[in-house]
């Protein structure tokens, strides 16, 4: 089955990040660029192709996680990649 990347509106998470991590403007700016996503499940949306993660020539080079709290979505974890790219968002309330 072919992956289907779809338009994504990051405004909700940008708003939360501005309140919870104002000291990380580079992450807020990166979140604003997350306008195309691949929904893996209810629990995870990719913004970067995750094929061969952390391997040479892979777009997915993990750096850190940032956790945010949202009234509607609960705890969300941002996968931050090298170069301050957002790899994806995980919604912990849907993780089984």
N, C-alpha and C. Protein backbone atom coordinates (compact mmCIF):
# COMPACT_ATOMS: atom_id res chain seq x y z
N UNK A 1 0.83 -1.17 0.00
CA UNK A 1 0.00 0.00 0.00
C UNK A 1 0.89 1.25 0.00
N UNK A 2 0.54 2.20 -0.84
CA UNK A 2 1.32 3.42 -0.96
C UNK A 2 0.99 4.38 0.17
N UNK A 3 2.03 5.02 0.71
CA UNK A 3 1.85 6.01 1.77
C UNK A 3 1.12 7.22 1.22
N UNK A 4 0.21 7.77 2.02
CA UNK A 4 -0.54 8.94 1.59
C UNK A 4 -0.24 10.11 2.51
N UNK A 5 0.57 11.04 2.02
CA UNK A 5 0.90 12.25 2.76
C UNK A 5 -0.23 13.24 2.51
N UNK A 6 -0.71 13.85 3.59
CA UNK A 6 -1.85 14.76 3.49
C UNK A 6 -1.53 16.10 4.13
N UNK A 7 -2.28 17.11 3.71
CA UNK A 7 -2.15 18.45 4.28
C UNK A 7 -2.43 18.39 5.77
N UNK A 8 -1.63 19.09 6.55
CA UNK A 8 -1.77 19.10 8.01
C UNK A 8 -1.74 20.54 8.50
N UNK A 9 -2.61 20.85 9.46
CA UNK A 9 -2.64 22.18 10.06
C UNK A 9 -2.00 22.11 11.45
N UNK A 10 -0.80 22.67 11.62
CA UNK A 10 -0.09 22.58 12.89
C UNK A 10 -0.44 23.68 13.90
N UNK A 11 -1.41 24.52 13.59
CA UNK A 11 -1.68 25.68 14.44
C UNK A 11 -1.92 25.33 15.90
N UNK A 12 -2.62 24.23 16.17
CA UNK A 12 -2.93 23.86 17.55
C UNK A 12 -1.65 23.58 18.35
N UNK A 13 -0.70 22.88 17.74
CA UNK A 13 0.53 22.53 18.47
C UNK A 13 1.50 23.71 18.52
N UNK A 14 1.46 24.58 17.53
CA UNK A 14 2.27 25.80 17.56
C UNK A 14 1.83 26.67 18.74
N UNK A 15 0.53 26.80 18.92
CA UNK A 15 -0.02 27.61 20.01
C UNK A 15 0.43 27.07 21.37
N UNK A 16 0.38 25.76 21.54
CA UNK A 16 0.81 25.13 22.79
C UNK A 16 2.31 25.32 23.00
N UNK A 17 3.08 25.12 21.95
CA UNK A 17 4.53 25.25 22.05
C UNK A 17 4.93 26.68 22.42
N UNK A 18 4.24 27.66 21.89
CA UNK A 18 4.55 29.06 22.22
C UNK A 18 4.38 29.32 23.72
N UNK A 19 3.40 28.63 24.34
CA UNK A 19 3.16 28.80 25.77
C UNK A 19 4.11 27.96 26.62
N UNK A 20 4.39 26.73 26.18
CA UNK A 20 5.12 25.79 27.02
C UNK A 20 6.63 25.77 26.78
N UNK A 21 7.06 26.13 25.58
CA UNK A 21 8.51 26.13 25.32
C UNK A 21 8.91 27.42 24.57
N UNK A 22 8.58 28.58 25.13
CA UNK A 22 8.91 29.84 24.45
C UNK A 22 10.42 30.04 24.27
N UNK A 23 11.21 29.35 25.07
CA UNK A 23 12.66 29.45 24.98
C UNK A 23 13.23 28.65 23.80
N UNK A 24 12.36 27.99 23.06
CA UNK A 24 12.79 27.18 21.90
C UNK A 24 12.14 27.69 20.60
N UNK A 25 12.43 28.94 20.20
CA UNK A 25 11.79 29.49 19.00
C UNK A 25 12.09 28.69 17.73
N UNK A 26 13.22 28.01 17.71
CA UNK A 26 13.56 27.21 16.53
C UNK A 26 12.62 26.02 16.38
N UNK A 27 12.14 25.48 17.49
CA UNK A 27 11.19 24.37 17.44
C UNK A 27 9.81 24.89 17.03
N UNK A 28 9.43 26.03 17.56
CA UNK A 28 8.15 26.64 17.18
C UNK A 28 8.11 26.92 15.68
N UNK A 29 9.20 27.47 15.16
CA UNK A 29 9.29 27.74 13.72
C UNK A 29 9.22 26.44 12.92
N UNK A 30 9.88 25.40 13.40
CA UNK A 30 9.85 24.11 12.71
C UNK A 30 8.44 23.53 12.71
N UNK A 31 7.72 23.68 13.82
CA UNK A 31 6.34 23.20 13.88
C UNK A 31 5.46 23.91 12.86
N UNK A 32 5.69 25.19 12.65
CA UNK A 32 4.91 25.95 11.67
C UNK A 32 5.08 25.40 10.25
N UNK A 33 6.21 24.75 10.01
CA UNK A 33 6.47 24.18 8.68
C UNK A 33 5.89 22.77 8.51
N UNK A 34 5.29 22.21 9.55
CA UNK A 34 4.72 20.86 9.48
C UNK A 34 3.33 20.91 8.83
N UNK A 35 3.32 21.08 7.54
CA UNK A 35 2.05 21.24 6.83
C UNK A 35 1.71 20.05 5.94
N UNK A 36 2.54 19.03 5.96
CA UNK A 36 2.28 17.80 5.22
C UNK A 36 2.65 16.64 6.12
N UNK A 37 1.69 15.75 6.38
CA UNK A 37 1.94 14.66 7.31
C UNK A 37 1.46 13.32 6.81
N UNK A 38 2.02 12.28 7.38
CA UNK A 38 1.63 10.90 7.10
C UNK A 38 1.10 10.32 8.41
N UNK A 39 -0.19 10.05 8.46
CA UNK A 39 -0.79 9.52 9.68
C UNK A 39 -0.57 8.02 9.72
N UNK A 40 0.29 7.60 10.64
CA UNK A 40 0.58 6.17 10.78
C UNK A 40 -0.57 5.48 11.51
N UNK A 41 -1.13 6.19 12.49
CA UNK A 41 -2.22 5.67 13.32
C UNK A 41 -2.81 6.85 14.07
N UNK A 42 -3.78 6.59 14.94
CA UNK A 42 -4.31 7.66 15.78
C UNK A 42 -3.22 8.20 16.70
N UNK A 43 -2.22 7.38 16.96
CA UNK A 43 -1.18 7.73 17.93
C UNK A 43 0.01 8.47 17.32
N UNK A 44 0.17 8.46 15.98
CA UNK A 44 1.41 9.04 15.44
C UNK A 44 1.21 9.63 14.05
N UNK A 45 1.79 10.82 13.88
CA UNK A 45 1.82 11.48 12.57
C UNK A 45 3.27 11.79 12.26
N UNK A 46 3.73 11.36 11.08
CA UNK A 46 5.08 11.65 10.61
C UNK A 46 5.08 12.93 9.79
N UNK A 47 6.15 13.71 9.90
CA UNK A 47 6.37 14.87 9.06
C UNK A 47 7.64 14.72 8.22
N UNK A 48 8.41 13.67 8.52
CA UNK A 48 9.63 13.35 7.79
C UNK A 48 9.61 11.86 7.51
N UNK A 49 10.04 11.48 6.33
CA UNK A 49 10.12 10.07 5.96
C UNK A 49 11.04 9.35 6.95
N UNK A 50 10.53 8.31 7.57
CA UNK A 50 11.28 7.60 8.62
C UNK A 50 11.96 6.32 8.13
N UNK A 51 12.11 6.18 6.83
CA UNK A 51 12.80 4.99 6.32
C UNK A 51 14.26 5.00 6.77
N UNK A 52 14.73 3.86 7.21
CA UNK A 52 16.12 3.69 7.67
C UNK A 52 16.53 4.74 8.70
N UNK A 53 15.78 4.85 9.79
CA UNK A 53 16.09 5.90 10.77
C UNK A 53 17.51 5.81 11.31
N UNK A 54 18.10 6.98 11.46
CA UNK A 54 19.44 7.15 12.03
C UNK A 54 20.56 6.46 11.24
N UNK A 55 20.26 6.07 10.02
CA UNK A 55 21.28 5.47 9.16
C UNK A 55 21.83 6.55 8.22
N UNK A 56 23.02 6.36 7.69
CA UNK A 56 23.56 7.34 6.75
C UNK A 56 22.58 7.59 5.60
N UNK A 57 22.46 8.82 5.19
CA UNK A 57 21.59 9.27 4.09
C UNK A 57 20.10 9.20 4.40
N UNK A 58 19.72 8.85 5.62
CA UNK A 58 18.31 8.87 5.99
C UNK A 58 17.91 10.29 6.38
N UNK A 59 16.69 10.66 6.05
CA UNK A 59 16.17 11.97 6.46
C UNK A 59 15.90 12.00 7.96
N UNK A 60 15.70 10.83 8.55
CA UNK A 60 15.35 10.71 9.97
C UNK A 60 16.61 10.52 10.80
N UNK A 61 17.07 11.60 11.42
CA UNK A 61 18.24 11.56 12.30
C UNK A 61 17.80 12.12 13.65
N UNK A 62 17.46 11.24 14.57
CA UNK A 62 16.88 11.63 15.85
C UNK A 62 17.85 12.43 16.71
N UNK A 63 17.29 13.47 17.38
CA UNK A 63 18.06 14.32 18.29
C UNK A 63 17.51 14.27 19.72
N UNK A 64 16.19 14.52 19.88
CA UNK A 64 15.59 14.58 21.22
C UNK A 64 14.07 14.51 21.14
N UNK A 65 13.45 14.33 22.30
CA UNK A 65 12.00 14.41 22.44
C UNK A 65 11.65 15.64 23.26
N UNK A 66 10.53 16.25 22.92
CA UNK A 66 9.97 17.34 23.72
C UNK A 66 8.53 16.95 24.01
N UNK A 67 8.16 17.02 25.28
CA UNK A 67 6.81 16.66 25.70
C UNK A 67 6.01 17.93 25.98
N UNK A 68 4.80 17.96 25.43
CA UNK A 68 3.87 19.07 25.64
C UNK A 68 2.57 18.51 26.21
N UNK A 69 1.85 19.34 26.93
CA UNK A 69 0.55 18.95 27.48
C UNK A 69 -0.55 19.78 26.83
N UNK A 70 -1.61 19.09 26.38
CA UNK A 70 -2.74 19.74 25.73
C UNK A 70 -4.03 19.25 26.37
N UNK A 71 -4.95 20.16 26.65
CA UNK A 71 -6.23 19.77 27.27
C UNK A 71 -6.99 18.78 26.41
N UNK A 72 -7.01 18.99 25.12
CA UNK A 72 -7.77 18.12 24.22
C UNK A 72 -7.04 16.82 23.89
N UNK A 73 -5.76 16.93 23.54
CA UNK A 73 -5.01 15.77 23.07
C UNK A 73 -4.18 15.07 24.13
N UNK A 74 -4.14 15.61 25.32
CA UNK A 74 -3.35 15.00 26.38
C UNK A 74 -1.87 15.26 26.19
N UNK A 75 -1.05 14.31 26.60
CA UNK A 75 0.39 14.42 26.46
C UNK A 75 0.77 14.12 25.01
N UNK A 76 1.52 15.03 24.41
CA UNK A 76 2.02 14.81 23.06
C UNK A 76 3.54 14.91 23.10
N UNK A 77 4.17 14.03 22.35
CA UNK A 77 5.62 13.99 22.31
C UNK A 77 6.07 14.36 20.90
N UNK A 78 6.94 15.36 20.82
CA UNK A 78 7.52 15.76 19.55
C UNK A 78 8.83 15.04 19.36
N UNK A 79 9.00 14.40 18.22
CA UNK A 79 10.29 13.82 17.85
C UNK A 79 11.06 14.89 17.11
N UNK A 80 12.13 15.36 17.72
CA UNK A 80 12.96 16.40 17.13
C UNK A 80 14.16 15.73 16.47
N UNK A 81 14.37 16.07 15.22
CA UNK A 81 15.48 15.51 14.46
C UNK A 81 16.62 16.52 14.40
N UNK A 82 17.78 16.06 14.00
CA UNK A 82 18.92 16.97 13.85
C UNK A 82 18.55 18.08 12.89
N UNK A 83 19.06 19.27 13.16
CA UNK A 83 18.73 20.42 12.34
C UNK A 83 17.41 21.06 12.73
N UNK A 84 16.92 20.70 13.93
CA UNK A 84 15.65 21.24 14.44
C UNK A 84 14.47 20.99 13.51
N UNK A 85 14.42 19.79 12.96
CA UNK A 85 13.26 19.37 12.16
C UNK A 85 12.33 18.58 13.07
N UNK A 86 11.06 18.65 12.78
CA UNK A 86 10.07 17.87 13.52
C UNK A 86 9.84 16.58 12.75
N UNK A 87 10.21 15.46 13.35
CA UNK A 87 10.03 14.16 12.69
C UNK A 87 8.59 13.69 12.75
N UNK A 88 7.93 13.97 13.90
CA UNK A 88 6.56 13.54 14.06
C UNK A 88 6.02 13.91 15.43
N UNK A 89 4.74 13.63 15.58
CA UNK A 89 4.05 13.88 16.85
C UNK A 89 3.40 12.57 17.30
N UNK A 90 3.63 12.22 18.56
CA UNK A 90 3.01 11.04 19.15
C UNK A 90 1.99 11.49 20.19
N UNK A 91 0.79 10.93 20.10
CA UNK A 91 -0.30 11.21 21.03
C UNK A 91 -0.37 10.05 22.02
N UNK A 92 0.14 10.26 23.22
CA UNK A 92 0.27 9.16 24.18
C UNK A 92 -1.06 8.56 24.59
N UNK A 93 -2.14 9.32 24.55
CA UNK A 93 -3.43 8.75 24.97
C UNK A 93 -3.92 7.65 24.03
N UNK A 94 -3.33 7.56 22.83
CA UNK A 94 -3.73 6.53 21.89
C UNK A 94 -2.72 5.38 21.80
N UNK A 95 -1.61 5.47 22.52
CA UNK A 95 -0.60 4.42 22.48
C UNK A 95 -1.10 3.25 23.30
N UNK A 96 -0.99 2.06 22.75
CA UNK A 96 -1.45 0.86 23.45
C UNK A 96 -0.31 0.04 23.91
